[in-house]
Amino acid sequence: MNRGPIILTIDEAEYLLDQLPPPSPDDDEMLKNLRNRLKALLTELRNGAEGVIPTPSSTS
């Protein structure tokens, strides 16, 4: 499988995540993995955004 980087803004990542169907017990692994990776990306994008004040739970 060929892989390459994809650059997304916070808005684009939110949009893609919103387009996925709601989680259900019979989701296949690829959909679960995609949803989890988009959530992780969105969290990282928000943590690195300018003007975002870190919360105590997001600081190490």
Protein backbone atom coordinates (compact mmCIF):
# COMPACT_ATOMS: atom_id res chain seq x y z
CA MET A 1 0.00 0.00 0.00
CA ASN A 2 1.35 3.43 -0.90
CA ARG A 3 1.27 6.02 1.83
CA GLY A 4 1.87 9.72 1.90
CA PRO A 5 1.22 12.66 4.20
CA ILE A 6 -2.09 14.48 4.20
CA ILE A 7 -2.22 18.01 5.55
CA LEU A 8 -5.53 19.06 7.13
CA THR A 9 -6.73 22.11 9.00
CA ILE A 10 -8.77 21.80 12.19
CA ASP A 11 -11.94 22.56 10.21
CA GLU A 12 -11.16 19.92 7.60
CA ALA A 13 -10.43 17.26 10.23
CA GLU A 14 -13.68 18.11 12.05
CA TYR A 15 -15.61 17.92 8.77
CA LEU A 16 -14.19 14.50 7.89
CA LEU A 17 -14.93 13.15 11.36
CA ASP A 18 -18.50 14.51 11.16
CA GLN A 19 -19.03 12.71 7.83
CA LEU A 20 -18.40 9.28 9.36
CA PRO A 21 -21.46 7.37 10.52
CA PRO A 22 -22.01 7.21 14.29
CA PRO A 23 -20.07 4.44 16.04
CA SER A 24 -21.85 1.10 16.17
CA PRO A 25 -20.88 -2.35 17.47
CA ASP A 26 -20.76 -3.82 13.97
CA ASP A 27 -18.27 -1.29 12.52
CA ASP A 28 -15.39 -2.89 10.66
CA GLU A 29 -11.83 -2.39 11.92
CA MET A 30 -10.88 0.04 9.16
CA LEU A 31 -13.71 2.42 10.09
CA LYS A 32 -12.84 2.19 13.80
CA ASN A 33 -9.18 2.87 13.01
CA LEU A 34 -10.04 5.83 10.75
CA ARG A 35 -12.31 7.37 13.38
CA ASN A 36 -9.66 6.96 16.10
CA ARG A 37 -6.89 8.41 13.92
CA LEU A 38 -9.02 11.42 12.97
CA LYS A 39 -9.87 12.01 16.64
CA ALA A 40 -6.18 11.82 17.57
CA LEU A 41 -5.25 14.18 14.73
CA LEU A 42 -7.92 16.65 15.78
CA THR A 43 -6.70 16.56 19.38
CA GLU A 44 -3.12 17.21 18.27
CA LEU A 45 -4.18 20.03 15.94
CA ARG A 46 -6.16 21.69 18.70
CA ASN A 47 -3.29 21.34 21.19
CA GLY A 48 -0.90 23.01 18.75
CA ALA A 49 -3.26 25.78 17.62
CA GLU A 50 -2.25 29.38 18.15
CA GLY A 51 -4.16 31.17 20.87
CA VAL A 52 -5.20 27.94 22.57
CA ILE A 53 -4.65 28.02 26.31
CA PRO A 54 -3.56 24.56 27.48
CA THR A 55 -5.74 22.95 30.10
CA PRO A 56 -4.11 21.25 33.09
CA SER A 57 -5.01 17.82 31.66
CA SER A 58 -3.19 18.55 28.37
CA THR A 59 0.08 19.69 29.96
CA SER A 60 2.75 17.22 30.95
